[in-house]
Amino acid sequence: MISDKEESFYIKLKEKIEELNKEKRFKKIAFIMYLYYFEKITQKEIGERLNLGQSQISRLLNLGKKIIK
C-alpha cells in the first residue's frame, strides 16, 4: 500500500510523462521513464530491451527528470 503522498507523486509524474510523450523528440525518454517508474523495470533490463547501455538509460532518466521539473 502506498501513502497519499506517494500516490500524489505518481499521479503528477504520470501527467508529466504524458506531456513529455506528446513531443516527438522526447518520446523515448517518456517511454523509458514509464518503464522505470510504473512498470518497475530496472535500468539494465530497459537497456537490454532497447539495445542501449545501462549508463545511457541512467542519463536519459536524469534528463527526463530535469525536463519535467
PDB file of N, CA and C in Angstrom:
ATOM      1  N   MET A   1       0.853  -1.181   0.000  1.00  0.00           N
ATOM      2  CA  MET A   1       0.000   0.000   0.000  1.00  0.00           C
ATOM      3  C   MET A   1       0.897   1.241   0.000  1.00  0.00           C
ATOM      4  N   ILE A   2       0.537   2.199  -0.821  1.00  0.00           N
ATOM      5  CA  ILE A   2       1.340   3.421  -0.881  1.00  0.00           C
ATOM      6  C   ILE A   2       0.625   4.539  -0.137  1.00  0.00           C
ATOM      7  N   SER A   3       1.411   5.467   0.346  1.00  0.00           N
ATOM      8  CA  SER A   3       0.850   6.591   1.097  1.00  0.00           C
ATOM      9  C   SER A   3       0.192   7.588   0.147  1.00  0.00           C
ATOM     10  N   ASP A   4      -0.590   8.494   0.711  1.00  0.00           N
ATOM     11  CA  ASP A   4      -1.228   9.536  -0.098  1.00  0.00           C
ATOM     12  C   ASP A   4      -0.189  10.406  -0.789  1.00  0.00           C
ATOM     13  N   LYS A   5       0.917  10.665  -0.094  1.00  0.00           N
ATOM     14  CA  LYS A   5       1.988  11.484  -0.670  1.00  0.00           C
ATOM     15  C   LYS A   5       2.610  10.784  -1.878  1.00  0.00           C
ATOM     16  N   GLU A   6       2.866   9.481  -1.750  1.00  0.00           N
ATOM     17  CA  GLU A   6       3.416   8.714  -2.875  1.00  0.00           C
ATOM     18  C   GLU A   6       2.435   8.653  -4.032  1.00  0.00           C
ATOM     19  N   GLU A   7       1.171   8.454  -3.725  1.00  0.00           N
ATOM     20  CA  GLU A   7       0.146   8.393  -4.775  1.00  0.00           C
ATOM     21  C   GLU A   7       0.077   9.716  -5.526  1.00  0.00           C
ATOM     22  N   SER A   8       0.121  10.805  -4.792  1.00  0.00           N
ATOM     23  CA  SER A   8       0.104  12.135  -5.410  1.00  0.00           C
ATOM     24  C   SER A   8       1.323  12.327  -6.310  1.00  0.00           C
ATOM     25  N   PHE A   9       2.485  11.878  -5.850  1.00  0.00           N
ATOM     26  CA  PHE A   9       3.712  11.980  -6.638  1.00  0.00           C
ATOM     27  C   PHE A   9       3.562  11.217  -7.950  1.00  0.00           C
ATOM     28  N   TYR A  10       3.067   9.985  -7.888  1.00  0.00           N
ATOM     29  CA  TYR A  10       2.948   9.159  -9.094  1.00  0.00           C
ATOM     30  C   TYR A  10       1.897   9.696 -10.061  1.00  0.00           C
ATOM     31  N   ILE A  11       0.825  10.278  -9.530  1.00  0.00           N
ATOM     32  CA  ILE A  11      -0.181  10.886 -10.403  1.00  0.00           C
ATOM     33  C   ILE A  11       0.425  12.069 -11.154  1.00  0.00           C
ATOM     34  N   LYS A  12       1.152  12.926 -10.437  1.00  0.00           N
ATOM     35  CA  LYS A  12       1.796  14.073 -11.084  1.00  0.00           C
ATOM     36  C   LYS A  12       2.870  13.622 -12.067  1.00  0.00           C
ATOM     37  N   LEU A  13       3.639  12.616 -11.686  1.00  0.00           N
ATOM     38  CA  LEU A  13       4.683  12.096 -12.568  1.00  0.00           C
ATOM     39  C   LEU A  13       4.068  11.537 -13.853  1.00  0.00           C
ATOM     40  N   LYS A  14       2.986  10.801 -13.731  1.00  0.00           N
ATOM     41  CA  LYS A  14       2.323  10.238 -14.915  1.00  0.00           C
ATOM     42  C   LYS A  14       1.851  11.352 -15.840  1.00  0.00           C
ATOM     43  N   GLU A  15       1.282  12.417 -15.282  1.00  0.00           N
ATOM     44  CA  GLU A  15       0.823  13.549 -16.092  1.00  0.00           C
ATOM     45  C   GLU A  15       1.992  14.190 -16.831  1.00  0.00           C
ATOM     46  N   LYS A  16       3.114  14.352 -16.134  1.00  0.00           N
ATOM     47  CA  LYS A  16       4.299  14.965 -16.746  1.00  0.00           C
ATOM     48  C   LYS A  16       4.858  14.077 -17.860  1.00  0.00           C
ATOM     49  N   ILE A  17       4.885  12.770 -17.628  1.00  0.00           N
ATOM     50  CA  ILE A  17       5.376  11.839 -18.646  1.00  0.00           C
ATOM     51  C   ILE A  17       4.466  11.882 -19.869  1.00  0.00           C
ATOM     52  N   GLU A  18       3.160  11.963 -19.654  1.00  0.00           N
ATOM     53  CA  GLU A  18       2.225  12.053 -20.772  1.00  0.00           C
ATOM     54  C   GLU A  18       2.463  13.326 -21.581  1.00  0.00           C
ATOM     55  N   GLU A  19       2.737  14.448 -20.892  1.00  0.00           N
ATOM     56  CA  GLU A  19       3.054  15.699 -21.587  1.00  0.00           C
ATOM     57  C   GLU A  19       4.341  15.541 -22.398  1.00  0.00           C
ATOM     58  N   LEU A  20       5.324  14.928 -21.794  1.00  0.00           N
ATOM     59  CA  LEU A  20       6.614  14.705 -22.453  1.00  0.00           C
ATOM     60  C   LEU A  20       6.437  13.834 -23.700  1.00  0.00           C
ATOM     61  N   ASN A  21       5.578  12.855 -23.603  1.00  0.00           N
ATOM     62  CA  ASN A  21       5.346  11.926 -24.708  1.00  0.00           C
ATOM     63  C   ASN A  21       4.707  12.613 -25.914  1.00  0.00           C
ATOM     64  N   LYS A  22       4.053  13.733 -25.715  1.00  0.00           N
ATOM     65  CA  LYS A  22       3.405  14.448 -26.818  1.00  0.00           C
ATOM     66  C   LYS A  22       4.418  15.063 -27.777  1.00  0.00           C
ATOM     67  N   GLU A  23       5.616  15.327 -27.283  1.00  0.00           N
ATOM     68  CA  GLU A  23       6.661  15.900 -28.132  1.00  0.00           C
ATOM     69  C   GLU A  23       7.494  14.770 -28.721  1.00  0.00           C
ATOM     70  N   LYS A  24       7.558  14.726 -30.033  1.00  0.00           N
ATOM     71  CA  LYS A  24       8.221  13.617 -30.729  1.00  0.00           C
ATOM     72  C   LYS A  24       9.646  13.381 -30.232  1.00  0.00           C
ATOM     73  N   ARG A  25      10.398  14.446 -30.011  1.00  0.00           N
ATOM     74  CA  ARG A  25      11.804  14.279 -29.634  1.00  0.00           C
ATOM     75  C   ARG A  25      11.990  13.705 -28.228  1.00  0.00           C
ATOM     76  N   PHE A  26      10.929  13.710 -27.413  1.00  0.00           N
ATOM     77  CA  PHE A  26      11.035  13.205 -26.051  1.00  0.00           C
ATOM     78  C   PHE A  26      10.320  11.866 -25.848  1.00  0.00           C
ATOM     79  N   LYS A  27       9.818  11.264 -26.916  1.00  0.00           N
ATOM     80  CA  LYS A  27       9.058  10.017 -26.772  1.00  0.00           C
ATOM     81  C   LYS A  27       9.881   8.888 -26.141  1.00  0.00           C
ATOM     82  N   LYS A  28      11.143   8.768 -26.554  1.00  0.00           N
ATOM     83  CA  LYS A  28      11.977   7.699 -25.994  1.00  0.00           C
ATOM     84  C   LYS A  28      12.197   7.917 -24.501  1.00  0.00           C
ATOM     85  N   ILE A  29      12.451   9.155 -24.110  1.00  0.00           N
ATOM     86  CA  ILE A  29      12.656   9.456 -22.687  1.00  0.00           C
ATOM     87  C   ILE A  29      11.381   9.156 -21.909  1.00  0.00           C
ATOM     88  N   ALA A  30      10.225   9.557 -22.439  1.00  0.00           N
ATOM     89  CA  ALA A  30       8.949   9.301 -21.768  1.00  0.00           C
ATOM     90  C   ALA A  30       8.724   7.795 -21.611  1.00  0.00           C
ATOM     91  N   PHE A  31       9.044   7.033 -22.658  1.00  0.00           N
ATOM     92  CA  PHE A  31       8.871   5.579 -22.611  1.00  0.00           C
ATOM     93  C   PHE A  31       9.775   4.962 -21.550  1.00  0.00           C
ATOM     94  N   ILE A  32      11.009   5.401 -21.509  1.00  0.00           N
ATOM     95  CA  ILE A  32      11.964   4.886 -20.519  1.00  0.00           C
ATOM     96  C   ILE A  32      11.496   5.227 -19.107  1.00  0.00           C
ATOM     97  N   MET A  33      11.024   6.453 -18.903  1.00  0.00           N
ATOM     98  CA  MET A  33      10.544   6.858 -17.578  1.00  0.00           C
ATOM     99  C   MET A  33       9.333   6.030 -17.169  1.00  0.00           C
ATOM    100  N   TYR A  34       8.444   5.773 -18.119  1.00  0.00           N
ATOM    101  CA  TYR A  34       7.265   4.962 -17.817  1.00  0.00           C
ATOM    102  C   TYR A  34       7.682   3.548 -17.390  1.00  0.00           C
ATOM    103  N   LEU A  35       8.570   2.943 -18.167  1.00  0.00           N
ATOM    104  CA  LEU A  35       9.025   1.594 -17.829  1.00  0.00           C
ATOM    105  C   LEU A  35       9.680   1.551 -16.449  1.00  0.00           C
ATOM    106  N   TYR A  36      10.498   2.546 -16.170  1.00  0.00           N
ATOM    107  CA  TYR A  36      11.255   2.563 -14.921  1.00  0.00           C
ATOM    108  C   TYR A  36      10.354   2.831 -13.704  1.00  0.00           C
ATOM    109  N   TYR A  37       9.513   3.859 -13.795  1.00  0.00           N
ATOM    110  CA  TYR A  37       8.724   4.261 -12.626  1.00  0.00           C
ATOM    111  C   TYR A  37       7.418   3.507 -12.458  1.00  0.00           C
ATOM    112  N   PHE A  38       6.797   3.086 -13.547  1.00  0.00           N
ATOM    113  CA  PHE A  38       5.491   2.457 -13.422  1.00  0.00           C
ATOM    114  C   PHE A  38       5.506   0.950 -13.643  1.00  0.00           C
ATOM    115  N   GLU A  39       6.366   0.485 -14.502  1.00  0.00           N
ATOM    116  CA  GLU A  39       6.475  -0.961 -14.710  1.00  0.00           C
ATOM    117  C   GLU A  39       7.540  -1.574 -13.807  1.00  0.00           C
ATOM    118  N   LYS A  40       8.293  -0.711 -13.125  1.00  0.00           N
ATOM    119  CA  LYS A  40       9.329  -1.142 -12.169  1.00  0.00           C
ATOM    120  C   LYS A  40      10.398  -2.019 -12.825  1.00  0.00           C
ATOM    121  N   ILE A  41      10.757  -1.674 -14.056  1.00  0.00           N
ATOM    122  CA  ILE A  41      11.792  -2.407 -14.780  1.00  0.00           C
ATOM    123  C   ILE A  41      13.130  -1.737 -14.500  1.00  0.00           C
ATOM    124  N   THR A  42      14.153  -2.515 -14.249  1.00  0.00           N
ATOM    125  CA  THR A  42      15.460  -1.946 -13.922  1.00  0.00           C
ATOM    126  C   THR A  42      16.078  -1.255 -15.139  1.00  0.00           C
ATOM    127  N   GLN A  43      17.035  -0.382 -14.852  1.00  0.00           N
ATOM    128  CA  GLN A  43      17.746   0.308 -15.931  1.00  0.00           C
ATOM    129  C   GLN A  43      18.433  -0.704 -16.850  1.00  0.00           C
ATOM    130  N   LYS A  44      19.007  -1.723 -16.264  1.00  0.00           N
ATOM    131  CA  LYS A  44      19.696  -2.744 -17.054  1.00  0.00           C
ATOM    132  C   LYS A  44      18.723  -3.450 -17.994  1.00  0.00           C
ATOM    133  N   GLU A  45      17.543  -3.826 -17.484  1.00  0.00           N
ATOM    134  CA  GLU A  45      16.549  -4.511 -18.311  1.00  0.00           C
ATOM    135  C   GLU A  45      16.022  -3.608 -19.425  1.00  0.00           C
ATOM    136  N   ILE A  46      15.809  -2.341 -19.107  1.00  0.00           N
ATOM    137  CA  ILE A  46      15.357  -1.391 -20.128  1.00  0.00           C
ATOM    138  C   ILE A  46      16.416  -1.283 -21.218  1.00  0.00           C
ATOM    139  N   GLY A  47      17.661  -1.169 -20.808  1.00  0.00           N
ATOM    140  CA  GLY A  47      18.759  -1.092 -21.766  1.00  0.00           C
ATOM    141  C   GLY A  47      18.812  -2.303 -22.676  1.00  0.00           C
ATOM    142  N   GLU A  48      18.601  -3.473 -22.103  1.00  0.00           N
ATOM    143  CA  GLU A  48      18.615  -4.702 -22.907  1.00  0.00           C
ATOM    144  C   GLU A  48      17.469  -4.702 -23.922  1.00  0.00           C
ATOM    145  N   ARG A  49      16.296  -4.239 -23.500  1.00  0.00           N
ATOM    146  CA  ARG A  49      15.137  -4.186 -24.404  1.00  0.00           C
ATOM    147  C   ARG A  49      15.353  -3.200 -25.550  1.00  0.00           C
ATOM    148  N   LEU A  50      16.020  -2.081 -25.237  1.00  0.00           N
ATOM    149  CA  LEU A  50      16.180  -1.016 -26.237  1.00  0.00           C
ATOM    150  C   LEU A  50      17.554  -1.034 -26.903  1.00  0.00           C
ATOM    151  N   ASN A  51      18.349  -2.024 -26.550  1.00  0.00           N
ATOM    152  CA  ASN A  51      19.699  -2.142 -27.100  1.00  0.00           C
ATOM    153  C   ASN A  51      20.551  -0.907 -26.771  1.00  0.00           C
ATOM    154  N   LEU A  52      20.443  -0.473 -25.532  1.00  0.00           N
ATOM    155  CA  LEU A  52      21.228   0.654 -25.019  1.00  0.00           C
ATOM    156  C   LEU A  52      21.930   0.203 -23.746  1.00  0.00           C
ATOM    157  N   GLY A  53      23.014   0.869 -23.416  1.00  0.00           N
ATOM    158  CA  GLY A  53      23.709   0.556 -22.177  1.00  0.00           C
ATOM    159  C   GLY A  53      22.987   1.120 -20.968  1.00  0.00           C
ATOM    160  N   GLN A  54      23.227   0.522 -19.815  1.00  0.00           N
ATOM    161  CA  GLN A  54      22.603   0.991 -18.571  1.00  0.00           C
ATOM    162  C   GLN A  54      22.966   2.436 -18.293  1.00  0.00           C
ATOM    163  N   SER A  55      24.191   2.842 -18.617  1.00  0.00           N
ATOM    164  CA  SER A  55      24.599   4.233 -18.367  1.00  0.00           C
ATOM    165  C   SER A  55      23.812   5.205 -19.248  1.00  0.00           C
ATOM    166  N   GLN A  56      23.487   4.799 -20.476  1.00  0.00           N
ATOM    167  CA  GLN A  56      22.671   5.651 -21.348  1.00  0.00           C
ATOM    168  C   GLN A  56      21.255   5.785 -20.787  1.00  0.00           C
ATOM    169  N   ILE A  57      20.718   4.691 -20.275  1.00  0.00           N
ATOM    170  CA  ILE A  57      19.385   4.728 -19.672  1.00  0.00           C
ATOM    171  C   ILE A  57      19.398   5.665 -18.469  1.00  0.00           C
ATOM    172  N   SER A  58      20.426   5.571 -17.656  1.00  0.00           N
ATOM    173  CA  SER A  58      20.550   6.439 -16.488  1.00  0.00           C
ATOM    174  C   SER A  58      20.588   7.908 -16.907  1.00  0.00           C
ATOM    175  N   ARG A  59      21.375   8.218 -17.927  1.00  0.00           N
ATOM    176  CA  ARG A  59      21.458   9.603 -18.409  1.00  0.00           C
ATOM    177  C   ARG A  59      20.113  10.094 -18.951  1.00  0.00           C
ATOM    178  N   LEU A  60      19.414   9.229 -19.677  1.00  0.00           N
ATOM    179  CA  LEU A  60      18.110   9.622 -20.217  1.00  0.00           C
ATOM    180  C   LEU A  60      17.085   9.825 -19.110  1.00  0.00           C
ATOM    181  N   LEU A  61      17.121   9.003 -18.078  1.00  0.00           N
ATOM    182  CA  LEU A  61      16.228   9.196 -16.942  1.00  0.00           C
ATOM    183  C   LEU A  61      16.521  10.511 -16.239  1.00  0.00           C
ATOM    184  N   ASN A  62      17.799  10.823 -16.051  1.00  0.00           N
ATOM    185  CA  ASN A  62      18.165  12.088 -15.414  1.00  0.00           C
ATOM    186  C   ASN A  62      17.753  13.279 -16.264  1.00  0.00           C
ATOM    187  N   LEU A  63      17.934  13.164 -17.577  1.00  0.00           N
ATOM    188  CA  LEU A  63      17.499  14.220 -18.471  1.00  0.00           C
ATOM    189  C   LEU A  63      15.976  14.403 -18.393  1.00  0.00           C
ATOM    190  N   GLY A  64      15.256  13.305 -18.388  1.00  0.00           N
ATOM    191  CA  GLY A  64      13.803  13.375 -18.260  1.00  0.00           C
ATOM    192  C   GLY A  64      13.356  14.050 -16.988  1.00  0.00           C
ATOM    193  N   LYS A  65      14.034  13.749 -15.886  1.00  0.00           N
ATOM    194  CA  LYS A  65      13.705  14.393 -14.603  1.00  0.00           C
ATOM    195  C   LYS A  65      13.927  15.896 -14.674  1.00  0.00           C
ATOM    196  N   LYS A  66      15.011  16.309 -15.324  1.00  0.00           N
ATOM    197  CA  LYS A  66      15.287  17.745 -15.462  1.00  0.00           C
ATOM    198  C   LYS A  66      14.243  18.429 -16.337  1.00  0.00           C
ATOM    199  N   ILE A  67      13.837  17.760 -17.398  1.00  0.00           N
ATOM    200  CA  ILE A  67      12.868  18.343 -18.325  1.00  0.00           C
ATOM    201  C   ILE A  67      11.504  18.554 -17.664  1.00  0.00           C
ATOM    202  N   ILE A  68      11.064  17.594 -16.864  1.00  0.00           N
ATOM    203  CA  ILE A  68       9.716  17.697 -16.301  1.00  0.00           C
ATOM    204  C   ILE A  68       9.631  18.530 -15.019  1.00  0.00           C
ATOM    205  N   LYS A  69      10.737  18.958 -14.506  1.00  0.00           N
ATOM    206  CA  LYS A  69      10.703  19.793 -13.284  1.00  0.00           C
ATOM    207  C   LYS A  69      10.091  21.130 -13.541  1.00  0.00           C
TER     208      LYS A  69
END
